[in-house]
Amino acid sequence: MSRRRYVARGVPGGYRIWDNRGRRWWGDLYELCPDDLLTELNGQADGQRITSLMKRYRAVKR
């Protein structure tokens, strides 16, 4: 059984995305994990789609 590359993990203050292959945090800290991002992480986990979702939510935070 292979592990997923990206997973959302709860951390103090919200959620972060963990990259299993790179073994590091990826992206920003989110107080609430957006539903479509979480669905993508738990489903197909397409890197390009995850990146586009992260860019969209990063822009909204500003």
PDB file of N, CA and C in Angstrom:
ATOM      1  N   MET A   1       0.847  -1.175   0.000  1.00  0.00           N
ATOM      2  CA  MET A   1       0.000   0.000   0.000  1.00  0.00           C
ATOM      3  C   MET A   1       0.895   1.240   0.000  1.00  0.00           C
ATOM      4  N   SER A   2       0.667   2.148  -0.929  1.00  0.00           N
ATOM      5  CA  SER A   2       1.465   3.361  -0.990  1.00  0.00           C
ATOM      6  C   SER A   2       0.787   4.473  -0.195  1.00  0.00           C
ATOM      7  N   ARG A   3       1.606   5.304   0.408  1.00  0.00           N
ATOM      8  CA  ARG A   3       1.070   6.442   1.153  1.00  0.00           C
ATOM      9  C   ARG A   3       0.807   7.581   0.197  1.00  0.00           C
ATOM     10  N   ARG A   4      -0.173   8.382   0.532  1.00  0.00           N
ATOM     11  CA  ARG A   4      -0.468   9.568  -0.268  1.00  0.00           C
ATOM     12  C   ARG A   4       0.677  10.556  -0.129  1.00  0.00           C
ATOM     13  N   ARG A   5       0.888  11.333  -1.181  1.00  0.00           N
ATOM     14  CA  ARG A   5       1.964  12.316  -1.126  1.00  0.00           C
ATOM     15  C   ARG A   5       1.620  13.468  -0.202  1.00  0.00           C
ATOM     16  N   TYR A   6       0.416  14.026  -0.340  1.00  0.00           N
ATOM     17  CA  TYR A   6       0.009  15.181   0.469  1.00  0.00           C
ATOM     18  C   TYR A   6      -1.118  14.790   1.401  1.00  0.00           C
ATOM     19  N   VAL A   7      -1.044  15.225   2.636  1.00  0.00           N
ATOM     20  CA  VAL A   7      -2.123  15.013   3.597  1.00  0.00           C
ATOM     21  C   VAL A   7      -2.305  16.279   4.417  1.00  0.00           C
ATOM     22  N   ALA A   8      -3.548  16.537   4.806  1.00  0.00           N
ATOM     23  CA  ALA A   8      -3.828  17.666   5.689  1.00  0.00           C
ATOM     24  C   ALA A   8      -3.688  17.163   7.125  1.00  0.00           C
ATOM     25  N   ARG A   9      -2.951  17.906   7.925  1.00  0.00           N
ATOM     26  CA  ARG A   9      -2.751  17.527   9.328  1.00  0.00           C
ATOM     27  C   ARG A   9      -3.106  18.691  10.231  1.00  0.00           C
ATOM     28  N   GLY A  10      -3.746  18.351  11.308  1.00  0.00           N
ATOM     29  CA  GLY A  10      -4.071  19.367  12.293  1.00  0.00           C
ATOM     30  C   GLY A  10      -2.826  19.769  13.063  1.00  0.00           C
ATOM     31  N   VAL A  11      -2.640  21.056  13.244  1.00  0.00           N
ATOM     32  CA  VAL A  11      -1.540  21.605  14.033  1.00  0.00           C
ATOM     33  C   VAL A  11      -2.136  22.678  14.937  1.00  0.00           C
ATOM     34  N   PRO A  12      -1.423  23.098  15.972  1.00  0.00           N
ATOM     35  CA  PRO A  12      -1.966  24.161  16.818  1.00  0.00           C
ATOM     36  C   PRO A  12      -2.335  25.389  15.987  1.00  0.00           C
ATOM     37  N   GLY A  13      -3.581  25.791  16.059  1.00  0.00           N
ATOM     38  CA  GLY A  13      -4.051  26.964  15.339  1.00  0.00           C
ATOM     39  C   GLY A  13      -4.711  26.674  14.008  1.00  0.00           C
ATOM     40  N   GLY A  14      -4.767  25.408  13.578  1.00  0.00           N
ATOM     41  CA  GLY A  14      -5.428  25.106  12.311  1.00  0.00           C
ATOM     42  C   GLY A  14      -4.921  23.845  11.643  1.00  0.00           C
ATOM     43  N   TYR A  15      -4.724  23.936  10.324  1.00  0.00           N
ATOM     44  CA  TYR A  15      -4.273  22.807   9.513  1.00  0.00           C
ATOM     45  C   TYR A  15      -3.122  23.235   8.628  1.00  0.00           C
ATOM     46  N   ARG A  16      -2.219  22.274   8.352  1.00  0.00           N
ATOM     47  CA  ARG A  16      -1.156  22.485   7.369  1.00  0.00           C
ATOM     48  C   ARG A  16      -1.122  21.261   6.468  1.00  0.00           C
ATOM     49  N   ILE A  17      -0.452  21.392   5.340  1.00  0.00           N
ATOM     50  CA  ILE A  17      -0.338  20.284   4.397  1.00  0.00           C
ATOM     51  C   ILE A  17       1.058  19.681   4.542  1.00  0.00           C
ATOM     52  N   TRP A  18       1.099  18.367   4.742  1.00  0.00           N
ATOM     53  CA  TRP A  18       2.358  17.651   4.894  1.00  0.00           C
ATOM     54  C   TRP A  18       2.675  16.926   3.586  1.00  0.00           C
ATOM     55  N   ASP A  19       3.895  17.080   3.097  1.00  0.00           N
ATOM     56  CA  ASP A  19       4.378  16.416   1.888  1.00  0.00           C
ATOM     57  C   ASP A  19       5.161  15.189   2.333  1.00  0.00           C
ATOM     58  N   ASN A  20       4.585  13.992   2.129  1.00  0.00           N
ATOM     59  CA  ASN A  20       5.255  12.766   2.554  1.00  0.00           C
ATOM     60  C   ASN A  20       6.541  12.502   1.780  1.00  0.00           C
ATOM     61  N   ARG A  21       6.552  12.816   0.496  1.00  0.00           N
ATOM     62  CA  ARG A  21       7.744  12.562  -0.312  1.00  0.00           C
ATOM     63  C   ARG A  21       8.880  13.506   0.092  1.00  0.00           C
ATOM     64  N   GLY A  22       8.565  14.787   0.252  1.00  0.00           N
ATOM     65  CA  GLY A  22       9.570  15.774   0.634  1.00  0.00           C
ATOM     66  C   GLY A  22       9.831  15.812   2.136  1.00  0.00           C
ATOM     67  N   ARG A  23       8.941  15.180   2.904  1.00  0.00           N
ATOM     68  CA  ARG A  23       9.024  15.114   4.366  1.00  0.00           C
ATOM     69  C   ARG A  23       9.149  16.505   4.988  1.00  0.00           C
ATOM     70  N   ARG A  24       8.212  17.394   4.571  1.00  0.00           N
ATOM     71  CA  ARG A  24       8.204  18.757   5.115  1.00  0.00           C
ATOM     72  C   ARG A  24       6.805  19.332   4.969  1.00  0.00           C
ATOM     73  N   TRP A  25       6.563  20.447   5.670  1.00  0.00           N
ATOM     74  CA  TRP A  25       5.305  21.167   5.524  1.00  0.00           C
ATOM     75  C   TRP A  25       5.307  21.854   4.180  1.00  0.00           C
ATOM     76  N   TRP A  26       4.135  21.935   3.557  1.00  0.00           N
ATOM     77  CA  TRP A  26       4.004  22.539   2.232  1.00  0.00           C
ATOM     78  C   TRP A  26       2.858  23.537   2.290  1.00  0.00           C
ATOM     79  N   GLY A  27       3.110  24.766   1.947  1.00  0.00           N
ATOM     80  CA  GLY A  27       2.048  25.763   1.930  1.00  0.00           C
ATOM     81  C   GLY A  27       1.899  26.495   3.245  1.00  0.00           C
ATOM     82  N   ASP A  28       0.768  27.150   3.374  1.00  0.00           N
ATOM     83  CA  ASP A  28       0.487  28.021   4.512  1.00  0.00           C
ATOM     84  C   ASP A  28      -0.291  27.305   5.600  1.00  0.00           C
ATOM     85  N   LEU A  29      -0.370  27.961   6.753  1.00  0.00           N
ATOM     86  CA  LEU A  29      -1.218  27.506   7.844  1.00  0.00           C
ATOM     87  C   LEU A  29      -2.629  28.023   7.591  1.00  0.00           C
ATOM     88  N   TYR A  30      -3.597  27.161   7.698  1.00  0.00           N
ATOM     89  CA  TYR A  30      -5.003  27.549   7.523  1.00  0.00           C
ATOM     90  C   TYR A  30      -5.733  27.359   8.840  1.00  0.00           C
ATOM     91  N   GLU A  31      -6.485  28.373   9.244  1.00  0.00           N
ATOM     92  CA  GLU A  31      -7.298  28.236  10.452  1.00  0.00           C
ATOM     93  C   GLU A  31      -8.384  27.203  10.208  1.00  0.00           C
ATOM     94  N   LEU A  32      -8.990  27.260   9.044  1.00  0.00           N
ATOM     95  CA  LEU A  32      -9.972  26.260   8.632  1.00  0.00           C
ATOM     96  C   LEU A  32      -9.491  25.676   7.317  1.00  0.00           C
ATOM     97  N   CYS A  33      -9.533  24.372   7.189  1.00  0.00           N
ATOM     98  CA  CYS A  33      -9.088  23.742   5.949  1.00  0.00           C
ATOM     99  C   CYS A  33     -10.228  23.825   4.933  1.00  0.00           C
ATOM    100  N   PRO A  34     -10.017  24.483   3.792  1.00  0.00           N
ATOM    101  CA  PRO A  34     -11.067  24.604   2.780  1.00  0.00           C
ATOM    102  C   PRO A  34     -11.532  23.232   2.293  1.00  0.00           C
ATOM    103  N   ASP A  35     -12.843  23.071   2.128  1.00  0.00           N
ATOM    104  CA  ASP A  35     -13.413  21.776   1.764  1.00  0.00           C
ATOM    105  C   ASP A  35     -12.876  21.219   0.455  1.00  0.00           C
ATOM    106  N   ASP A  36     -12.773  22.069  -0.587  1.00  0.00           N
ATOM    107  CA  ASP A  36     -12.315  21.533  -1.868  1.00  0.00           C
ATOM    108  C   ASP A  36     -10.839  21.134  -1.829  1.00  0.00           C
ATOM    109  N   LEU A  37     -10.029  21.831  -1.038  1.00  0.00           N
ATOM    110  CA  LEU A  37      -8.626  21.448  -0.870  1.00  0.00           C
ATOM    111  C   LEU A  37      -8.530  20.124  -0.129  1.00  0.00           C
ATOM    112  N   LEU A  38      -9.298  19.974   0.929  1.00  0.00           N
ATOM    113  CA  LEU A  38      -9.292  18.735   1.689  1.00  0.00           C
ATOM    114  C   LEU A  38      -9.779  17.560   0.841  1.00  0.00           C
ATOM    115  N   THR A  39     -10.807  17.788   0.020  1.00  0.00           N
ATOM    116  CA  THR A  39     -11.320  16.746  -0.873  1.00  0.00           C
ATOM    117  C   THR A  39     -10.251  16.315  -1.871  1.00  0.00           C
ATOM    118  N   GLU A  40      -9.528  17.278  -2.424  1.00  0.00           N
ATOM    119  CA  GLU A  40      -8.469  16.944  -3.386  1.00  0.00           C
ATOM    120  C   GLU A  40      -7.341  16.172  -2.714  1.00  0.00           C
ATOM    121  N   LEU A  41      -6.969  16.580  -1.504  1.00  0.00           N
ATOM    122  CA  LEU A  41      -5.908  15.882  -0.786  1.00  0.00           C
ATOM    123  C   LEU A  41      -6.295  14.437  -0.463  1.00  0.00           C
ATOM    124  N   ASN A  42      -7.551  14.228  -0.111  1.00  0.00           N
ATOM    125  CA  ASN A  42      -8.006  12.887   0.261  1.00  0.00           C
ATOM    126  C   ASN A  42      -8.456  12.069  -0.942  1.00  0.00           C
ATOM    127  N   GLY A  43      -8.561  12.696  -2.098  1.00  0.00           N
ATOM    128  CA  GLY A  43      -9.022  11.995  -3.301  1.00  0.00           C
ATOM    129  C   GLY A  43      -7.877  11.756  -4.265  1.00  0.00           C
ATOM    130  N   GLN A  44      -7.935  12.421  -5.419  1.00  0.00           N
ATOM    131  CA  GLN A  44      -6.948  12.219  -6.484  1.00  0.00           C
ATOM    132  C   GLN A  44      -5.552  12.730  -6.116  1.00  0.00           C
ATOM    133  N   ALA A  45      -5.484  13.754  -5.289  1.00  0.00           N
ATOM    134  CA  ALA A  45      -4.217  14.364  -4.857  1.00  0.00           C
ATOM    135  C   ALA A  45      -3.355  14.781  -6.044  1.00  0.00           C
ATOM    136  N   ASP A  46      -3.976  15.450  -7.023  1.00  0.00           N
ATOM    137  CA  ASP A  46      -3.264  15.959  -8.184  1.00  0.00           C
ATOM    138  C   ASP A  46      -2.467  17.198  -7.777  1.00  0.00           C
ATOM    139  N   GLY A  47      -1.159  17.136  -7.942  1.00  0.00           N
ATOM    140  CA  GLY A  47      -0.277  18.225  -7.508  1.00  0.00           C
ATOM    141  C   GLY A  47      -0.602  19.563  -8.134  1.00  0.00           C
ATOM    142  N   GLN A  48      -0.932  19.573  -9.432  1.00  0.00           N
ATOM    143  CA  GLN A  48      -1.263  20.831 -10.097  1.00  0.00           C
ATOM    144  C   GLN A  48      -2.555  21.429  -9.551  1.00  0.00           C
ATOM    145  N   ARG A  49      -3.542  20.594  -9.311  1.00  0.00           N
ATOM    146  CA  ARG A  49      -4.818  21.077  -8.761  1.00  0.00           C
ATOM    147  C   ARG A  49      -4.606  21.604  -7.342  1.00  0.00           C
ATOM    148  N   ILE A  50      -3.827  20.902  -6.545  1.00  0.00           N
ATOM    149  CA  ILE A  50      -3.547  21.344  -5.172  1.00  0.00           C
ATOM    150  C   ILE A  50      -2.834  22.686  -5.198  1.00  0.00           C
ATOM    151  N   THR A  51      -1.858  22.838  -6.100  1.00  0.00           N
ATOM    152  CA  THR A  51      -1.136  24.102  -6.213  1.00  0.00           C
ATOM    153  C   THR A  51      -2.063  25.244  -6.593  1.00  0.00           C
ATOM    154  N   SER A  52      -2.968  25.008  -7.554  1.00  0.00           N
ATOM    155  CA  SER A  52      -3.892  26.081  -7.955  1.00  0.00           C
ATOM    156  C   SER A  52      -4.848  26.445  -6.819  1.00  0.00           C
ATOM    157  N   LEU A  53      -5.319  25.457  -6.063  1.00  0.00           N
ATOM    158  CA  LEU A  53      -6.186  25.745  -4.914  1.00  0.00           C
ATOM    159  C   LEU A  53      -5.434  26.535  -3.848  1.00  0.00           C
ATOM    160  N   MET A  54      -4.174  26.162  -3.600  1.00  0.00           N
ATOM    161  CA  MET A  54      -3.374  26.865  -2.595  1.00  0.00           C
ATOM    162  C   MET A  54      -3.163  28.329  -3.007  1.00  0.00           C
ATOM    163  N   LYS A  55      -2.885  28.557  -4.298  1.00  0.00           N
ATOM    164  CA  LYS A  55      -2.681  29.933  -4.776  1.00  0.00           C
ATOM    165  C   LYS A  55      -3.974  30.746  -4.601  1.00  0.00           C
ATOM    166  N   ARG A  56      -5.101  30.129  -4.886  1.00  0.00           N
ATOM    167  CA  ARG A  56      -6.367  30.840  -4.742  1.00  0.00           C
ATOM    168  C   ARG A  56      -6.628  31.212  -3.286  1.00  0.00           C
ATOM    169  N   TYR A  57      -6.407  30.277  -2.364  1.00  0.00           N
ATOM    170  CA  TYR A  57      -6.660  30.574  -0.952  1.00  0.00           C
ATOM    171  C   TYR A  57      -5.627  31.510  -0.379  1.00  0.00           C
ATOM    172  N   ARG A  58      -4.396  31.467  -0.882  1.00  0.00           N
ATOM    173  CA  ARG A  58      -3.369  32.409  -0.435  1.00  0.00           C
ATOM    174  C   ARG A  58      -3.758  33.825  -0.838  1.00  0.00           C
ATOM    175  N   ALA A  59      -4.298  33.989  -2.056  1.00  0.00           N
ATOM    176  CA  ALA A  59      -4.724  35.306  -2.522  1.00  0.00           C
ATOM    177  C   ALA A  59      -5.896  35.833  -1.709  1.00  0.00           C
ATOM    178  N   VAL A  60      -6.798  34.956  -1.304  1.00  0.00           N
ATOM    179  CA  VAL A  60      -7.955  35.360  -0.516  1.00  0.00           C
ATOM    180  C   VAL A  60      -7.523  35.820   0.884  1.00  0.00           C
ATOM    181  N   LYS A  61      -6.477  35.207   1.434  1.00  0.00           N
ATOM    182  CA  LYS A  61      -6.002  35.577   2.768  1.00  0.00           C
ATOM    183  C   LYS A  61      -5.449  36.980   2.820  1.00  0.00           C
ATOM    184  N   ARG A  62      -4.934  37.490   1.698  1.00  0.00           N
ATOM    185  CA  ARG A  62      -4.292  38.811   1.683  1.00  0.00           C
ATOM    186  C   ARG A  62      -5.260  39.928   1.758  1.00  0.00           C
TER     187      ARG A  62
END
